[in-house]
């Protein structure tokens, strides 16, 4: 993958907007790609105080809240900073209220 190979150079650019195609590849919290993406977005976040992040994927989640947290944490790290708290709150989504809180 180009990103994992060139992420150090890409991380030098203060990106204002990051669009990730095939974003389902970021679901694994231990993936090299997710680690590289976090490095790439850091400078833009610091430079602008915000950053637009868009994830595109055609692959559904497999009813796994850890995978959901990984994507949510990448998009909104301030709102979803902690996997343990996320799992305690949304680990078994069974109510409409939980769904609305995620929205």
N, C-alpha and C. Protein backbone atom coordinates (compact mmCIF):
# COMPACT_ATOMS: atom_id res chain seq x y z
N UNK A 1 0.82 -1.19 0.00
CA UNK A 1 0.00 0.00 0.00
C UNK A 1 0.87 1.25 0.00
N UNK A 2 0.47 2.22 -0.79
CA UNK A 2 1.24 3.46 -0.89
C UNK A 2 1.29 4.21 0.44
N UNK A 3 0.18 4.25 1.14
CA UNK A 3 0.14 5.00 2.39
C UNK A 3 1.09 4.42 3.43
N UNK A 4 1.06 3.13 3.62
CA UNK A 4 1.93 2.54 4.63
C UNK A 4 3.40 2.67 4.25
N UNK A 5 3.66 2.74 2.98
CA UNK A 5 5.04 2.90 2.51
C UNK A 5 5.50 4.36 2.64
N UNK A 6 4.61 5.31 2.36
CA UNK A 6 4.99 6.73 2.28
C UNK A 6 4.42 7.59 3.40
N UNK A 7 3.93 6.99 4.46
CA UNK A 7 3.21 7.77 5.47
C UNK A 7 4.08 8.83 6.13
N UNK A 8 5.37 8.61 6.26
CA UNK A 8 6.22 9.61 6.91
C UNK A 8 6.27 10.90 6.09
N UNK A 9 6.33 10.79 4.77
CA UNK A 9 6.32 11.97 3.90
C UNK A 9 4.94 12.63 3.92
N UNK A 10 3.89 11.82 3.87
CA UNK A 10 2.53 12.36 3.89
C UNK A 10 2.21 13.04 5.21
N UNK A 11 2.81 12.56 6.28
CA UNK A 11 2.57 13.13 7.61
C UNK A 11 3.15 14.54 7.74
N UNK A 12 4.03 14.94 6.84
CA UNK A 12 4.61 16.28 6.87
C UNK A 12 3.66 17.34 6.34
N UNK A 13 2.60 16.93 5.67
CA UNK A 13 1.62 17.86 5.10
C UNK A 13 0.51 18.10 6.12
N UNK A 14 0.18 19.36 6.42
CA UNK A 14 -0.93 19.63 7.35
C UNK A 14 -2.28 19.51 6.62
N UNK A 15 -2.78 18.31 6.50
CA UNK A 15 -4.02 18.05 5.78
C UNK A 15 -5.20 18.69 6.49
N UNK A 16 -6.01 19.43 5.76
CA UNK A 16 -7.22 20.04 6.32
C UNK A 16 -8.40 19.07 6.17
N UNK A 17 -8.34 18.24 5.16
CA UNK A 17 -9.41 17.28 4.90
C UNK A 17 -8.77 15.94 4.53
N UNK A 18 -9.28 14.89 5.11
CA UNK A 18 -8.79 13.54 4.82
C UNK A 18 -9.98 12.68 4.43
N UNK A 19 -9.91 12.09 3.25
CA UNK A 19 -10.97 11.20 2.76
C UNK A 19 -10.34 9.83 2.58
N UNK A 20 -10.92 8.84 3.23
CA UNK A 20 -10.38 7.48 3.18
C UNK A 20 -11.35 6.58 2.44
N UNK A 21 -10.92 6.08 1.30
CA UNK A 21 -11.71 5.08 0.58
C UNK A 21 -11.31 3.71 1.11
N UNK A 22 -12.19 2.75 1.01
CA UNK A 22 -11.95 1.41 1.57
C UNK A 22 -11.69 1.51 3.07
N UNK A 23 -12.46 2.36 3.73
CA UNK A 23 -12.25 2.65 5.15
C UNK A 23 -12.48 1.44 6.06
N UNK A 24 -13.12 0.41 5.54
CA UNK A 24 -13.30 -0.79 6.36
C UNK A 24 -11.94 -1.36 6.80
N UNK A 25 -10.89 -0.98 6.11
CA UNK A 25 -9.56 -1.45 6.47
C UNK A 25 -9.05 -0.80 7.75
N UNK A 26 -9.77 0.20 8.25
CA UNK A 26 -9.39 0.86 9.50
C UNK A 26 -10.12 0.27 10.71
N UNK A 27 -10.92 -0.76 10.49
CA UNK A 27 -11.71 -1.33 11.59
C UNK A 27 -10.86 -2.03 12.63
N UNK A 28 -9.76 -2.60 12.22
CA UNK A 28 -8.89 -3.33 13.15
C UNK A 28 -8.07 -2.31 13.94
N UNK A 29 -8.26 -2.26 15.25
CA UNK A 29 -7.58 -1.27 16.09
C UNK A 29 -6.07 -1.45 16.10
N UNK A 30 -5.59 -2.60 15.67
CA UNK A 30 -4.15 -2.88 15.67
C UNK A 30 -3.54 -2.86 14.27
N UNK A 31 -4.28 -2.34 13.29
CA UNK A 31 -3.78 -2.40 11.92
C UNK A 31 -2.69 -1.36 11.67
N UNK A 32 -1.76 -1.72 10.83
CA UNK A 32 -0.68 -0.81 10.44
C UNK A 32 -1.25 0.39 9.70
N UNK A 33 -2.26 0.17 8.87
CA UNK A 33 -2.87 1.26 8.12
C UNK A 33 -3.47 2.31 9.07
N UNK A 34 -4.17 1.87 10.10
CA UNK A 34 -4.76 2.81 11.06
C UNK A 34 -3.66 3.59 11.78
N UNK A 35 -2.61 2.91 12.15
CA UNK A 35 -1.48 3.57 12.79
C UNK A 35 -0.88 4.64 11.87
N UNK A 36 -0.72 4.32 10.61
CA UNK A 36 -0.19 5.28 9.64
C UNK A 36 -1.14 6.45 9.45
N UNK A 37 -2.43 6.18 9.36
CA UNK A 37 -3.41 7.27 9.19
C UNK A 37 -3.38 8.22 10.38
N UNK A 38 -3.25 7.69 11.57
CA UNK A 38 -3.18 8.55 12.75
C UNK A 38 -1.96 9.48 12.67
N UNK A 39 -0.85 8.96 12.16
CA UNK A 39 0.34 9.79 11.98
C UNK A 39 0.11 10.87 10.94
N UNK A 40 -0.55 10.50 9.85
CA UNK A 40 -0.79 11.44 8.75
C UNK A 40 -1.70 12.58 9.16
N UNK A 41 -2.72 12.34 9.95
CA UNK A 41 -3.69 13.38 10.28
C UNK A 41 -3.25 14.31 11.41
N UNK A 42 -2.26 13.94 12.15
CA UNK A 42 -1.86 14.70 13.34
C UNK A 42 -1.48 16.14 13.02
N UNK A 43 -0.65 16.36 12.03
CA UNK A 43 -0.16 17.71 11.73
C UNK A 43 -1.29 18.65 11.31
N UNK A 44 -2.23 18.15 10.53
CA UNK A 44 -3.36 18.97 10.13
C UNK A 44 -4.24 19.36 11.30
N UNK A 45 -4.44 18.43 12.20
CA UNK A 45 -5.25 18.71 13.40
C UNK A 45 -4.60 19.80 14.23
N UNK A 46 -3.29 19.73 14.38
CA UNK A 46 -2.57 20.73 15.16
C UNK A 46 -2.57 22.08 14.44
N UNK A 47 -2.35 22.07 13.13
CA UNK A 47 -2.24 23.31 12.37
C UNK A 47 -3.55 24.09 12.31
N UNK A 48 -4.67 23.39 12.16
CA UNK A 48 -5.95 24.06 11.95
C UNK A 48 -6.89 24.00 13.15
N UNK A 49 -6.59 23.15 14.12
CA UNK A 49 -7.47 23.02 15.28
C UNK A 49 -8.68 22.13 15.01
N UNK A 50 -8.84 21.72 13.78
CA UNK A 50 -9.92 20.82 13.39
C UNK A 50 -9.46 20.11 12.12
N UNK A 51 -10.23 19.15 11.72
CA UNK A 51 -9.92 18.46 10.47
C UNK A 51 -11.17 17.73 10.01
N UNK A 52 -11.49 17.87 8.75
CA UNK A 52 -12.60 17.11 8.19
C UNK A 52 -12.09 15.72 7.86
N UNK A 53 -12.82 14.73 8.31
CA UNK A 53 -12.45 13.34 8.01
C UNK A 53 -13.68 12.62 7.49
N UNK A 54 -13.52 11.97 6.36
CA UNK A 54 -14.62 11.25 5.71
C UNK A 54 -14.16 9.82 5.47
N UNK A 55 -14.97 8.88 5.88
CA UNK A 55 -14.68 7.47 5.63
C UNK A 55 -15.70 6.94 4.63
N UNK A 56 -15.20 6.28 3.59
CA UNK A 56 -16.08 5.67 2.59
C UNK A 56 -15.81 4.18 2.56
N UNK A 57 -16.89 3.41 2.58
CA UNK A 57 -16.75 1.97 2.49
C UNK A 57 -18.07 1.37 2.04
N UNK A 58 -17.99 0.26 1.36
CA UNK A 58 -19.18 -0.48 0.97
C UNK A 58 -19.29 -1.76 1.78
N UNK A 59 -18.37 -1.95 2.69
CA UNK A 59 -18.33 -3.16 3.50
C UNK A 59 -19.02 -2.91 4.83
N UNK A 60 -20.04 -3.69 5.16
CA UNK A 60 -20.75 -3.47 6.43
C UNK A 60 -19.93 -3.95 7.63
N UNK A 61 -20.26 -3.38 8.77
CA UNK A 61 -19.68 -3.88 10.02
C UNK A 61 -20.28 -5.24 10.32
N UNK A 62 -19.57 -6.03 11.05
CA UNK A 62 -20.02 -7.38 11.36
C UNK A 62 -20.57 -7.47 12.78
N UNK A 63 -21.42 -6.50 13.17
CA UNK A 63 -22.01 -6.48 14.51
C UNK A 63 -20.94 -6.53 15.59
N UNK A 64 -19.89 -5.77 15.38
CA UNK A 64 -18.77 -5.76 16.29
C UNK A 64 -18.54 -4.33 16.75
N UNK A 65 -18.80 -4.05 18.02
CA UNK A 65 -18.69 -2.68 18.51
C UNK A 65 -17.24 -2.20 18.60
N UNK A 66 -16.29 -3.12 18.70
CA UNK A 66 -14.88 -2.72 18.71
C UNK A 66 -14.51 -2.15 17.34
N UNK A 67 -14.98 -2.79 16.27
CA UNK A 67 -14.73 -2.27 14.93
C UNK A 67 -15.41 -0.92 14.74
N UNK A 68 -16.62 -0.79 15.24
CA UNK A 68 -17.34 0.48 15.15
C UNK A 68 -16.58 1.56 15.90
N UNK A 69 -16.11 1.25 17.10
CA UNK A 69 -15.34 2.22 17.87
C UNK A 69 -14.09 2.66 17.12
N UNK A 70 -13.40 1.75 16.49
CA UNK A 70 -12.19 2.09 15.76
C UNK A 70 -12.47 3.15 14.70
N UNK A 71 -13.56 3.00 13.97
CA UNK A 71 -13.93 3.98 12.95
C UNK A 71 -14.39 5.30 13.58
N UNK A 72 -15.21 5.20 14.61
CA UNK A 72 -15.70 6.41 15.28
C UNK A 72 -14.56 7.18 15.94
N UNK A 73 -13.63 6.47 16.54
CA UNK A 73 -12.48 7.09 17.18
C UNK A 73 -11.60 7.80 16.15
N UNK A 74 -11.47 7.23 14.96
CA UNK A 74 -10.68 7.89 13.93
C UNK A 74 -11.36 9.17 13.46
N UNK A 75 -12.67 9.13 13.29
CA UNK A 75 -13.40 10.31 12.81
C UNK A 75 -13.52 11.38 13.90
N UNK A 76 -13.86 10.98 15.11
CA UNK A 76 -14.12 11.91 16.22
C UNK A 76 -13.37 11.46 17.48
N UNK A 77 -12.05 11.57 17.50
CA UNK A 77 -11.30 11.08 18.66
C UNK A 77 -11.67 11.77 19.97
N UNK A 78 -12.10 13.03 19.91
CA UNK A 78 -12.48 13.73 21.14
C UNK A 78 -13.79 13.19 21.71
N UNK A 79 -14.71 12.77 20.84
CA UNK A 79 -15.99 12.24 21.30
C UNK A 79 -15.91 10.77 21.69
N UNK A 80 -15.00 10.03 21.07
CA UNK A 80 -14.88 8.60 21.32
C UNK A 80 -13.43 8.24 21.63
N UNK A 81 -12.90 8.76 22.76
CA UNK A 81 -11.48 8.56 23.04
C UNK A 81 -11.12 7.20 23.64
N UNK A 82 -12.09 6.53 24.25
CA UNK A 82 -11.76 5.38 25.07
C UNK A 82 -12.60 4.17 24.69
N UNK A 83 -11.94 3.10 24.27
CA UNK A 83 -12.64 1.87 23.88
C UNK A 83 -13.41 1.27 25.04
N UNK A 84 -12.83 1.27 26.21
CA UNK A 84 -13.49 0.65 27.37
C UNK A 84 -14.81 1.36 27.70
N UNK A 85 -14.80 2.68 27.70
CA UNK A 85 -16.03 3.44 27.97
C UNK A 85 -17.05 3.24 26.86
N UNK A 86 -16.59 3.21 25.62
CA UNK A 86 -17.48 2.99 24.49
C UNK A 86 -18.15 1.63 24.59
N UNK A 87 -17.37 0.62 24.92
CA UNK A 87 -17.90 -0.74 25.05
C UNK A 87 -18.90 -0.83 26.19
N UNK A 88 -18.62 -0.16 27.31
CA UNK A 88 -19.55 -0.17 28.43
C UNK A 88 -20.87 0.49 28.06
N UNK A 89 -20.80 1.56 27.25
CA UNK A 89 -22.00 2.31 26.90
C UNK A 89 -22.76 1.69 25.72
N UNK A 90 -22.03 1.18 24.72
CA UNK A 90 -22.67 0.72 23.49
C UNK A 90 -22.35 -0.74 23.15
N UNK A 91 -21.73 -1.47 24.05
CA UNK A 91 -21.28 -2.84 23.76
C UNK A 91 -22.37 -3.75 23.24
N UNK A 92 -23.54 -3.60 23.78
CA UNK A 92 -24.69 -4.36 23.27
C UNK A 92 -25.79 -3.35 22.98
N UNK A 93 -25.82 -2.90 21.76
CA UNK A 93 -26.81 -1.90 21.36
C UNK A 93 -28.16 -2.60 21.20
N UNK A 94 -29.05 -2.27 22.13
CA UNK A 94 -30.35 -2.92 22.11
C UNK A 94 -31.51 -1.94 22.13
N UNK A 95 -31.20 -0.66 22.34
CA UNK A 95 -32.30 0.31 22.44
C UNK A 95 -32.16 1.41 21.39
N UNK A 96 -33.28 2.01 21.08
CA UNK A 96 -33.32 3.14 20.16
C UNK A 96 -32.51 4.30 20.73
N UNK A 97 -32.54 4.47 22.05
CA UNK A 97 -31.81 5.55 22.69
C UNK A 97 -30.29 5.42 22.45
N UNK A 98 -29.77 4.20 22.51
CA UNK A 98 -28.35 3.99 22.26
C UNK A 98 -28.00 4.36 20.81
N UNK A 99 -28.85 3.98 19.89
CA UNK A 99 -28.63 4.31 18.48
C UNK A 99 -28.62 5.83 18.30
N UNK A 100 -29.58 6.51 18.90
CA UNK A 100 -29.66 7.96 18.80
C UNK A 100 -28.46 8.65 19.43
N UNK A 101 -27.93 8.10 20.51
CA UNK A 101 -26.74 8.69 21.14
C UNK A 101 -25.53 8.56 20.20
N UNK A 102 -25.45 7.49 19.47
CA UNK A 102 -24.36 7.34 18.50
C UNK A 102 -24.51 8.31 17.34
N UNK A 103 -25.75 8.58 16.95
CA UNK A 103 -25.97 9.50 15.83
C UNK A 103 -25.61 10.89 16.22
